[in-house]
């Protein structure tokens, strides 16, 4: 049996337009970060009239596709926690740091 890895929490999200952001924190169960060329939060959903997720849940990083991030090992994030912030019309992982 393999022990489960503790996934890093989304410590802060300042993207107020996201349906999962209630009060500066993310209430999705888990988020996916990145693509081959950018550290976008792919769980970002802009729906002003909808609040998603669970109030007692703080999101974790479920997967990260930015293999060039120094926190990424085998597409798993190993940062202690991450911050998500705005970038044009998207939400980005502000903890991303190139190798």
PDB file of N, CA and C in Angstrom:
ATOM      1  N   UNK A   1       0.843  -1.169   0.000  1.00  0.00           N
ATOM      2  CA  UNK A   1       0.000   0.000   0.000  1.00  0.00           C
ATOM      3  C   UNK A   1       0.892   1.238   0.000  1.00  0.00           C
ATOM      4  N   UNK A   2       0.522   2.239  -0.775  1.00  0.00           N
ATOM      5  CA  UNK A   2       1.255   3.492  -0.858  1.00  0.00           C
ATOM      6  C   UNK A   2       0.588   4.531   0.034  1.00  0.00           C
ATOM      7  N   UNK A   3       1.392   5.240   0.803  1.00  0.00           N
ATOM      8  CA  UNK A   3       0.860   6.297   1.658  1.00  0.00           C
ATOM      9  C   UNK A   3       0.452   7.489   0.803  1.00  0.00           C
ATOM     10  N   UNK A   4      -0.648   8.109   1.146  1.00  0.00           N
ATOM     11  CA  UNK A   4      -1.114   9.277   0.412  1.00  0.00           C
ATOM     12  C   UNK A   4      -0.279  10.494   0.784  1.00  0.00           C
ATOM     13  N   UNK A   5       0.003  11.295  -0.227  1.00  0.00           N
ATOM     14  CA  UNK A   5       0.756  12.523  -0.017  1.00  0.00           C
ATOM     15  C   UNK A   5      -0.184  13.612   0.483  1.00  0.00           C
ATOM     16  N   UNK A   6       0.273  14.421   1.404  1.00  0.00           N
ATOM     17  CA  UNK A   6      -0.498  15.577   1.847  1.00  0.00           C
ATOM     18  C   UNK A   6      -0.428  16.630   0.750  1.00  0.00           C
ATOM     19  N   UNK A   7      -1.548  17.026   0.210  1.00  0.00           N
ATOM     20  CA  UNK A   7      -1.564  18.021  -0.864  1.00  0.00           C
ATOM     21  C   UNK A   7      -1.482  19.418  -0.262  1.00  0.00           C
ATOM     22  N   UNK A   8      -0.752  20.324  -0.939  1.00  0.00           N
ATOM     23  CA  UNK A   8      -0.675  21.691  -0.423  1.00  0.00           C
ATOM     24  C   UNK A   8      -2.017  22.402  -0.501  1.00  0.00           C
ATOM     25  N   UNK A   9      -2.283  23.243   0.453  1.00  0.00           N
ATOM     26  CA  UNK A   9      -3.526  24.012   0.506  1.00  0.00           C
ATOM     27  C   UNK A   9      -3.400  25.289  -0.317  1.00  0.00           C
ATOM     28  N   UNK A  10      -4.524  25.770  -0.769  1.00  0.00           N
ATOM     29  CA  UNK A  10      -4.578  27.093  -1.372  1.00  0.00           C
ATOM     30  C   UNK A  10      -4.706  28.052  -0.192  1.00  0.00           C
ATOM     31  N   UNK A  11      -3.595  28.651   0.174  1.00  0.00           N
ATOM     32  CA  UNK A  11      -3.530  29.517   1.352  1.00  0.00           C
ATOM     33  C   UNK A  11      -4.347  30.784   1.165  1.00  0.00           C
ATOM     34  N   UNK A  12      -4.362  31.291  -0.065  1.00  0.00           N
ATOM     35  CA  UNK A  12      -5.072  32.532  -0.330  1.00  0.00           C
ATOM     36  C   UNK A  12      -5.456  32.590  -1.800  1.00  0.00           C
ATOM     37  N   UNK A  13      -6.641  33.106  -2.076  1.00  0.00           N
ATOM     38  CA  UNK A  13      -7.060  33.383  -3.443  1.00  0.00           C
ATOM     39  C   UNK A  13      -7.684  34.771  -3.460  1.00  0.00           C
ATOM     40  N   UNK A  14      -7.092  35.654  -4.251  1.00  0.00           N
ATOM     41  CA  UNK A  14      -7.603  37.024  -4.315  1.00  0.00           C
ATOM     42  C   UNK A  14      -8.365  37.294  -5.609  1.00  0.00           C
ATOM     43  N   UNK A  15      -8.771  36.237  -6.295  1.00  0.00           N
ATOM     44  CA  UNK A  15      -9.542  36.377  -7.530  1.00  0.00           C
ATOM     45  C   UNK A  15     -11.024  36.368  -7.144  1.00  0.00           C
ATOM     46  N   UNK A  16     -11.535  37.537  -6.836  1.00  0.00           N
ATOM     47  CA  UNK A  16     -12.895  37.678  -6.307  1.00  0.00           C
ATOM     48  C   UNK A  16     -13.965  37.210  -7.285  1.00  0.00           C
ATOM     49  N   UNK A  17     -13.692  37.214  -8.589  1.00  0.00           N
ATOM     50  CA  UNK A  17     -14.692  36.838  -9.587  1.00  0.00           C
ATOM     51  C   UNK A  17     -14.914  35.334  -9.672  1.00  0.00           C
ATOM     52  N   UNK A  18     -14.100  34.538  -9.017  1.00  0.00           N
ATOM     53  CA  UNK A  18     -14.242  33.083  -9.097  1.00  0.00           C
ATOM     54  C   UNK A  18     -15.368  32.601  -8.191  1.00  0.00           C
ATOM     55  N   UNK A  19     -16.170  31.697  -8.689  1.00  0.00           N
ATOM     56  CA  UNK A  19     -17.296  31.154  -7.927  1.00  0.00           C
ATOM     57  C   UNK A  19     -16.851  30.389  -6.682  1.00  0.00           C
ATOM     58  N   UNK A  20     -15.629  29.859  -6.680  1.00  0.00           N
ATOM     59  CA  UNK A  20     -15.122  29.119  -5.524  1.00  0.00           C
ATOM     60  C   UNK A  20     -14.538  30.032  -4.448  1.00  0.00           C
ATOM     61  N   UNK A  21     -14.325  31.305  -4.759  1.00  0.00           N
ATOM     62  CA  UNK A  21     -13.759  32.253  -3.802  1.00  0.00           C
ATOM     63  C   UNK A  21     -14.898  32.886  -3.018  1.00  0.00           C
ATOM     64  N   UNK A  22     -14.939  32.621  -1.720  1.00  0.00           N
ATOM     65  CA  UNK A  22     -16.004  33.177  -0.895  1.00  0.00           C
ATOM     66  C   UNK A  22     -15.536  34.434  -0.172  1.00  0.00           C
ATOM     67  N   UNK A  23     -14.442  34.372   0.514  1.00  0.00           N
ATOM     68  CA  UNK A  23     -13.939  35.512   1.295  1.00  0.00           C
ATOM     69  C   UNK A  23     -12.416  35.562   1.244  1.00  0.00           C
ATOM     70  N   UNK A  24     -11.861  35.443   0.043  1.00  0.00           N
ATOM     71  CA  UNK A  24     -10.406  35.459  -0.101  1.00  0.00           C
ATOM     72  C   UNK A  24      -9.771  34.101   0.041  1.00  0.00           C
ATOM     73  N   UNK A  25     -10.608  33.085   0.089  1.00  0.00           N
ATOM     74  CA  UNK A  25     -10.089  31.720   0.136  1.00  0.00           C
ATOM     75  C   UNK A  25     -10.895  30.845  -0.817  1.00  0.00           C
ATOM     76  N   UNK A  26     -10.309  29.735  -1.211  1.00  0.00           N
ATOM     77  CA  UNK A  26     -10.914  28.868  -2.223  1.00  0.00           C
ATOM     78  C   UNK A  26     -11.627  27.696  -1.562  1.00  0.00           C
ATOM     79  N   UNK A  27     -12.850  27.444  -2.002  1.00  0.00           N
ATOM     80  CA  UNK A  27     -13.655  26.381  -1.405  1.00  0.00           C
ATOM     81  C   UNK A  27     -13.932  25.215  -2.360  1.00  0.00           C
ATOM     82  N   UNK A  28     -13.108  25.084  -3.404  1.00  0.00           N
ATOM     83  CA  UNK A  28     -13.165  23.879  -4.241  1.00  0.00           C
ATOM     84  C   UNK A  28     -12.514  22.748  -3.451  1.00  0.00           C
ATOM     85  N   UNK A  29     -12.830  21.511  -3.763  1.00  0.00           N
ATOM     86  CA  UNK A  29     -12.172  20.392  -3.085  1.00  0.00           C
ATOM     87  C   UNK A  29     -10.697  20.358  -3.447  1.00  0.00           C
ATOM     88  N   UNK A  30     -10.401  20.463  -4.753  1.00  0.00           N
ATOM     89  CA  UNK A  30      -9.023  20.490  -5.236  1.00  0.00           C
ATOM     90  C   UNK A  30      -8.983  21.293  -6.528  1.00  0.00           C
ATOM     91  N   UNK A  31      -7.828  21.897  -6.804  1.00  0.00           N
ATOM     92  CA  UNK A  31      -7.673  22.674  -8.032  1.00  0.00           C
ATOM     93  C   UNK A  31      -6.575  22.071  -8.899  1.00  0.00           C
ATOM     94  N   UNK A  32      -6.637  22.386 -10.185  1.00  0.00           N
ATOM     95  CA  UNK A  32      -5.600  21.994 -11.133  1.00  0.00           C
ATOM     96  C   UNK A  32      -4.907  23.267 -11.595  1.00  0.00           C
ATOM     97  N   UNK A  33      -3.583  23.232 -11.576  1.00  0.00           N
ATOM     98  CA  UNK A  33      -2.785  24.384 -11.986  1.00  0.00           C
ATOM     99  C   UNK A  33      -2.039  24.056 -13.269  1.00  0.00           C
ATOM    100  N   UNK A  34      -1.983  25.042 -14.146  1.00  0.00           N
ATOM    101  CA  UNK A  34      -1.044  25.038 -15.246  1.00  0.00           C
ATOM    102  C   UNK A  34      -1.439  24.370 -16.533  1.00  0.00           C
ATOM    103  N   UNK A  35      -0.648  24.760 -17.509  1.00  0.00           N
ATOM    104  CA  UNK A  35      -0.634  24.161 -18.826  1.00  0.00           C
ATOM    105  C   UNK A  35       0.824  24.188 -19.245  1.00  0.00           C
ATOM    106  N   UNK A  36       1.104  23.822 -20.456  1.00  0.00           N
ATOM    107  CA  UNK A  36       2.499  23.772 -20.896  1.00  0.00           C
ATOM    108  C   UNK A  36       3.171  25.150 -20.864  1.00  0.00           C
ATOM    109  N   UNK A  37       2.395  26.231 -20.974  1.00  0.00           N
ATOM    110  CA  UNK A  37       3.008  27.550 -21.096  1.00  0.00           C
ATOM    111  C   UNK A  37       2.599  28.569 -20.044  1.00  0.00           C
ATOM    112  N   UNK A  38       1.759  28.199 -19.074  1.00  0.00           N
ATOM    113  CA  UNK A  38       1.304  29.182 -18.104  1.00  0.00           C
ATOM    114  C   UNK A  38       0.827  28.501 -16.820  1.00  0.00           C
ATOM    115  N   UNK A  39       0.860  29.213 -15.719  1.00  0.00           N
ATOM    116  CA  UNK A  39       0.450  28.669 -14.419  1.00  0.00           C
ATOM    117  C   UNK A  39      -0.983  29.059 -14.066  1.00  0.00           C
ATOM    118  N   UNK A  40      -1.901  28.929 -15.005  1.00  0.00           N
ATOM    119  CA  UNK A  40      -3.312  29.251 -14.762  1.00  0.00           C
ATOM    120  C   UNK A  40      -3.920  28.299 -13.742  1.00  0.00           C
ATOM    121  N   UNK A  41      -4.900  28.797 -13.015  1.00  0.00           N
ATOM    122  CA  UNK A  41      -5.738  27.925 -12.193  1.00  0.00           C
ATOM    123  C   UNK A  41      -6.869  27.460 -13.096  1.00  0.00           C
ATOM    124  N   UNK A  42      -6.859  26.204 -13.462  1.00  0.00           N
ATOM    125  CA  UNK A  42      -7.866  25.676 -14.379  1.00  0.00           C
ATOM    126  C   UNK A  42      -9.199  25.383 -13.703  1.00  0.00           C
ATOM    127  N   UNK A  43      -9.276  25.601 -12.399  1.00  0.00           N
ATOM    128  CA  UNK A  43     -10.531  25.418 -11.685  1.00  0.00           C
ATOM    129  C   UNK A  43     -11.302  26.737 -11.618  1.00  0.00           C
ATOM    130  N   UNK A  44     -10.675  27.833 -12.028  1.00  0.00           N
ATOM    131  CA  UNK A  44     -11.304  29.160 -12.043  1.00  0.00           C
ATOM    132  C   UNK A  44     -12.583  29.129 -12.881  1.00  0.00           C
ATOM    133  N   UNK A  45     -13.682  29.555 -12.270  1.00  0.00           N
ATOM    134  CA  UNK A  45     -14.976  29.651 -12.953  1.00  0.00           C
ATOM    135  C   UNK A  45     -15.583  31.002 -12.593  1.00  0.00           C
ATOM    136  N   UNK A  46     -15.776  31.840 -13.598  1.00  0.00           N
ATOM    137  CA  UNK A  46     -16.359  33.152 -13.357  1.00  0.00           C
ATOM    138  C   UNK A  46     -17.869  33.076 -13.535  1.00  0.00           C
ATOM    139  N   UNK A  47     -18.554  33.080 -12.413  1.00  0.00           N
ATOM    140  CA  UNK A  47     -20.025  33.054 -12.387  1.00  0.00           C
ATOM    141  C   UNK A  47     -20.466  33.927 -11.219  1.00  0.00           C
ATOM    142  N   UNK A  48     -20.663  35.208 -11.451  1.00  0.00           N
ATOM    143  CA  UNK A  48     -20.926  36.154 -10.358  1.00  0.00           C
ATOM    144  C   UNK A  48     -22.097  35.797  -9.442  1.00  0.00           C
ATOM    145  N   UNK A  49     -23.124  35.186  -9.960  1.00  0.00           N
ATOM    146  CA  UNK A  49     -24.306  34.900  -9.148  1.00  0.00           C
ATOM    147  C   UNK A  49     -24.235  33.542  -8.450  1.00  0.00           C
ATOM    148  N   UNK A  50     -23.150  32.805  -8.651  1.00  0.00           N
ATOM    149  CA  UNK A  50     -23.053  31.453  -8.099  1.00  0.00           C
ATOM    150  C   UNK A  50     -21.887  31.374  -7.120  1.00  0.00           C
ATOM    151  N   UNK A  51     -22.116  30.722  -5.994  1.00  0.00           N
ATOM    152  CA  UNK A  51     -21.045  30.407  -5.057  1.00  0.00           C
ATOM    153  C   UNK A  51     -20.918  28.897  -5.043  1.00  0.00           C
ATOM    154  N   UNK A  52     -19.727  28.420  -5.382  1.00  0.00           N
ATOM    155  CA  UNK A  52     -19.497  26.987  -5.515  1.00  0.00           C
ATOM    156  C   UNK A  52     -18.666  26.454  -4.351  1.00  0.00           C
ATOM    157  N   UNK A  53     -18.547  25.157  -4.305  1.00  0.00           N
ATOM    158  CA  UNK A  53     -17.733  24.516  -3.272  1.00  0.00           C
ATOM    159  C   UNK A  53     -18.477  24.379  -1.962  1.00  0.00           C
ATOM    160  N   UNK A  54     -17.714  23.994  -0.948  1.00  0.00           N
ATOM    161  CA  UNK A  54     -18.282  23.775   0.381  1.00  0.00           C
ATOM    162  C   UNK A  54     -17.677  24.772   1.358  1.00  0.00           C
ATOM    163  N   UNK A  55     -18.506  25.378   2.187  1.00  0.00           N
ATOM    164  CA  UNK A  55     -18.033  26.412   3.112  1.00  0.00           C
ATOM    165  C   UNK A  55     -16.922  25.928   4.043  1.00  0.00           C
ATOM    166  N   UNK A  56     -16.978  24.696   4.476  1.00  0.00           N
ATOM    167  CA  UNK A  56     -15.980  24.197   5.425  1.00  0.00           C
ATOM    168  C   UNK A  56     -14.772  23.541   4.747  1.00  0.00           C
ATOM    169  N   UNK A  57     -14.666  23.658   3.451  1.00  0.00           N
ATOM    170  CA  UNK A  57     -13.569  23.062   2.679  1.00  0.00           C
ATOM    171  C   UNK A  57     -12.621  24.140   2.186  1.00  0.00           C
ATOM    172  N   UNK A  58     -11.319  23.965   2.403  1.00  0.00           N
ATOM    173  CA  UNK A  58     -10.302  24.830   1.814  1.00  0.00           C
ATOM    174  C   UNK A  58      -9.583  24.001   0.761  1.00  0.00           C
ATOM    175  N   UNK A  59      -9.480  24.545  -0.440  1.00  0.00           N
ATOM    176  CA  UNK A  59      -8.949  23.800  -1.591  1.00  0.00           C
ATOM    177  C   UNK A  59      -7.510  23.345  -1.393  1.00  0.00           C
ATOM    178  N   UNK A  60      -7.207  22.273  -2.085  1.00  0.00           N
ATOM    179  CA  UNK A  60      -5.866  21.720  -2.152  1.00  0.00           C
ATOM    180  C   UNK A  60      -5.433  21.720  -3.615  1.00  0.00           C
ATOM    181  N   UNK A  61      -4.144  21.596  -3.860  1.00  0.00           N
ATOM    182  CA  UNK A  61      -3.655  21.484  -5.227  1.00  0.00           C
ATOM    183  C   UNK A  61      -3.697  20.005  -5.597  1.00  0.00           C
ATOM    184  N   UNK A  62      -4.630  19.654  -6.474  1.00  0.00           N
ATOM    185  CA  UNK A  62      -4.774  18.263  -6.885  1.00  0.00           C
ATOM    186  C   UNK A  62      -3.771  17.854  -7.937  1.00  0.00           C
ATOM    187  N   UNK A  63      -3.453  18.756  -8.854  1.00  0.00           N
ATOM    188  CA  UNK A  63      -2.496  18.454  -9.920  1.00  0.00           C
ATOM    189  C   UNK A  63      -1.882  19.759 -10.408  1.00  0.00           C
ATOM    190  N   UNK A  64      -0.634  19.660 -10.852  1.00  0.00           N
ATOM    191  CA  UNK A  64       0.041  20.819 -11.445  1.00  0.00           C
ATOM    192  C   UNK A  64       0.736  20.367 -12.717  1.00  0.00           C
ATOM    193  N   UNK A  65       0.385  21.001 -13.818  1.00  0.00           N
ATOM    194  CA  UNK A  65       0.935  20.638 -15.120  1.00  0.00           C
ATOM    195  C   UNK A  65       2.182  21.422 -15.478  1.00  0.00           C
ATOM    196  N   UNK A  66       2.674  22.272 -14.587  1.00  0.00           N
ATOM    197  CA  UNK A  66       3.879  23.055 -14.847  1.00  0.00           C
ATOM    198  C   UNK A  66       5.102  22.290 -14.361  1.00  0.00           C
ATOM    199  N   UNK A  67       5.578  21.373 -15.179  1.00  0.00           N
ATOM    200  CA  UNK A  67       6.737  20.548 -14.823  1.00  0.00           C
ATOM    201  C   UNK A  67       7.994  21.380 -14.624  1.00  0.00           C
ATOM    202  N   UNK A  68       8.016  22.618 -15.148  1.00  0.00           N
ATOM    203  CA  UNK A  68       9.195  23.472 -14.999  1.00  0.00           C
ATOM    204  C   UNK A  68       9.181  24.300 -13.710  1.00  0.00           C
ATOM    205  N   UNK A  69       8.187  24.110 -12.849  1.00  0.00           N
ATOM    206  CA  UNK A  69       8.128  24.815 -11.572  1.00  0.00           C
ATOM    207  C   UNK A  69       9.018  24.101 -10.559  1.00  0.00           C
ATOM    208  N   UNK A  70       9.741  24.868  -9.761  1.00  0.00           N
ATOM    209  CA  UNK A  70      10.649  24.254  -8.781  1.00  0.00           C
ATOM    210  C   UNK A  70       9.914  23.508  -7.679  1.00  0.00           C
ATOM    211  N   UNK A  71       8.613  23.749  -7.521  1.00  0.00           N
ATOM    212  CA  UNK A  71       7.818  23.047  -6.510  1.00  0.00           C
ATOM    213  C   UNK A  71       7.211  21.745  -7.057  1.00  0.00           C
ATOM    214  N   UNK A  72       7.365  21.513  -8.353  1.00  0.00           N
ATOM    215  CA  UNK A  72       6.716  20.389  -9.022  1.00  0.00           C
ATOM    216  C   UNK A  72       7.645  19.181  -9.093  1.00  0.00           C
ATOM    217  N   UNK A  73       7.129  18.049  -8.664  1.00  0.00           N
ATOM    218  CA  UNK A  73       7.854  16.788  -8.772  1.00  0.00           C
ATOM    219  C   UNK A  73       6.873  15.738  -9.283  1.00  0.00           C
ATOM    220  N   UNK A  74       7.098  15.263 -10.475  1.00  0.00           N
ATOM    221  CA  UNK A  74       6.226  14.273 -11.120  1.00  0.00           C
ATOM    222  C   UNK A  74       4.782  14.780 -11.213  1.00  0.00           C
ATOM    223  N   UNK A  75       4.635  16.073 -11.549  1.00  0.00           N
ATOM    224  CA  UNK A  75       3.359  16.759 -11.722  1.00  0.00           C
ATOM    225  C   UNK A  75       2.549  16.890 -10.430  1.00  0.00           C
ATOM    226  N   UNK A  76       3.216  16.757  -9.292  1.00  0.00           N
ATOM    227  CA  UNK A  76       2.605  16.979  -7.982  1.00  0.00           C
ATOM    228  C   UNK A  76       3.271  18.190  -7.354  1.00  0.00           C
ATOM    229  N   UNK A  77       2.473  19.069  -6.760  1.00  0.00           N
ATOM    230  CA  UNK A  77       3.002  20.265  -6.121  1.00  0.00           C
ATOM    231  C   UNK A  77       3.526  19.906  -4.733  1.00  0.00           C
ATOM    232  N   UNK A  78       4.747  20.365  -4.447  1.00  0.00           N
ATOM    233  CA  UNK A  78       5.352  20.123  -3.144  1.00  0.00           C
ATOM    234  C   UNK A  78       5.605  21.422  -2.380  1.00  0.00           C
ATOM    235  N   UNK A  79       4.989  22.516  -2.803  1.00  0.00           N
ATOM    236  CA  UNK A  79       5.076  23.758  -2.034  1.00  0.00           C
ATOM    237  C   UNK A  79       4.289  23.563  -0.740  1.00  0.00           C
ATOM    238  N   UNK A  80       4.668  24.240   0.327  1.00  0.00           N
ATOM    239  CA  UNK A  80       3.905  24.095   1.576  1.00  0.00           C
ATOM    240  C   UNK A  80       2.454  24.554   1.432  1.00  0.00           C
ATOM    241  N   UNK A  81       2.240  25.598   0.623  1.00  0.00           N
ATOM    242  CA  UNK A  81       0.917  26.148   0.329  1.00  0.00           C
ATOM    243  C   UNK A  81       1.096  27.049  -0.889  1.00  0.00           C
ATOM    244  N   UNK A  82      -0.006  27.395  -1.544  1.00  0.00           N
ATOM    245  CA  UNK A  82       0.088  28.287  -2.710  1.00  0.00           C
ATOM    246  C   UNK A  82      -0.851  29.470  -2.551  1.00  0.00           C
ATOM    247  N   UNK A  83      -0.593  30.494  -3.368  1.00  0.00           N
ATOM    248  CA  UNK A  83      -1.479  31.650  -3.459  1.00  0.00           C
ATOM    249  C   UNK A  83      -1.933  31.771  -4.903  1.00  0.00           C
ATOM    250  N   UNK A  84      -3.182  32.134  -5.097  1.00  0.00           N
ATOM    251  CA  UNK A  84      -3.742  32.331  -6.432  1.00  0.00           C
ATOM    252  C   UNK A  84      -4.123  33.799  -6.558  1.00  0.00           C
ATOM    253  N   UNK A  85      -3.763  34.375  -7.700  1.00  0.00           N
ATOM    254  CA  UNK A  85      -4.038  35.792  -7.918  1.00  0.00           C
ATOM    255  C   UNK A  85      -4.438  36.058  -9.351  1.00  0.00           C
ATOM    256  N   UNK A  86      -4.871  37.282  -9.636  1.00  0.00           N
ATOM    257  CA  UNK A  86      -5.356  37.620 -10.972  1.00  0.00           C
ATOM    258  C   UNK A  86      -4.232  37.806 -11.985  1.00  0.00           C
ATOM    259  N   UNK A  87      -4.560  37.480 -13.233  1.00  0.00           N
ATOM    260  CA  UNK A  87      -3.677  37.735 -14.369  1.00  0.00           C
ATOM    261  C   UNK A  87      -4.562  37.953 -15.581  1.00  0.00           C
ATOM    262  N   UNK A  88      -4.732  39.200 -15.971  1.00  0.00           N
ATOM    263  CA  UNK A  88      -5.656  39.568 -17.055  1.00  0.00           C
ATOM    264  C   UNK A  88      -7.042  39.030 -16.742  1.00  0.00           C
ATOM    265  N   UNK A  89      -7.564  38.096 -17.535  1.00  0.00           N
ATOM    266  CA  UNK A  89      -8.903  37.569 -17.299  1.00  0.00           C
ATOM    267  C   UNK A  89      -8.886  36.179 -16.672  1.00  0.00           C
ATOM    268  N   UNK A  90      -7.739  35.772 -16.162  1.00  0.00           N
ATOM    269  CA  UNK A  90      -7.598  34.425 -15.600  1.00  0.00           C
ATOM    270  C   UNK A  90      -7.176  34.518 -14.132  1.00  0.00           C
ATOM    271  N   UNK A  91      -6.982  33.365 -13.533  1.00  0.00           N
ATOM    272  CA  UNK A  91      -6.414  33.244 -12.196  1.00  0.00           C
ATOM    273  C   UNK A  91      -5.128  32.427 -12.341  1.00  0.00           C
ATOM    274  N   UNK A  92      -4.083  32.854 -11.666  1.00  0.00           N
ATOM    275  CA  UNK A  92      -2.781  32.195 -11.776  1.00  0.00           C
ATOM    276  C   UNK A  92      -2.250  31.766 -10.430  1.00  0.00           C
ATOM    277  N   UNK A  93      -1.420  30.741 -10.441  1.00  0.00           N
ATOM    278  CA  UNK A  93      -0.688  30.344  -9.247  1.00  0.00           C
ATOM    279  C   UNK A  93       0.456  31.334  -9.082  1.00  0.00           C
ATOM    280  N   UNK A  94       0.389  32.130  -8.033  1.00  0.00           N
ATOM    281  CA  UNK A  94       1.418  33.136  -7.772  1.00  0.00           C
ATOM    282  C   UNK A  94       2.646  32.516  -7.102  1.00  0.00           C
ATOM    283  N   UNK A  95       2.556  31.266  -6.701  1.00  0.00           N
ATOM    284  CA  UNK A  95       3.664  30.563  -6.063  1.00  0.00           C
ATOM    285  C   UNK A  95       4.584  29.937  -7.107  1.00  0.00           C
ATOM    286  N   UNK A  96       4.121  29.861  -8.342  1.00  0.00           N
ATOM    287  CA  UNK A  96       4.940  29.293  -9.429  1.00  0.00           C
ATOM    288  C   UNK A  96       6.314  29.965  -9.457  1.00  0.00           C
ATOM    289  N   UNK A  97       7.353  29.149  -9.542  1.00  0.00           N
ATOM    290  CA  UNK A  97       8.727  29.645  -9.678  1.00  0.00           C
ATOM    291  C   UNK A  97       9.480  28.697 -10.602  1.00  0.00           C
ATOM    292  N   UNK A  98      10.013  29.231 -11.684  1.00  0.00           N
ATOM    293  CA  UNK A  98      10.761  28.411 -12.640  1.00  0.00           C
ATOM    294  C   UNK A  98      12.018  27.818 -12.023  1.00  0.00           C
ATOM    295  N   UNK A  99      12.422  26.719 -12.577  1.00  0.00           N
ATOM    296  CA  UNK A  99      13.659  26.071 -12.085  1.00  0.00           C
ATOM    297  C   UNK A  99      14.878  26.821 -12.565  1.00  0.00           C
TER     298      UNK A  99
END
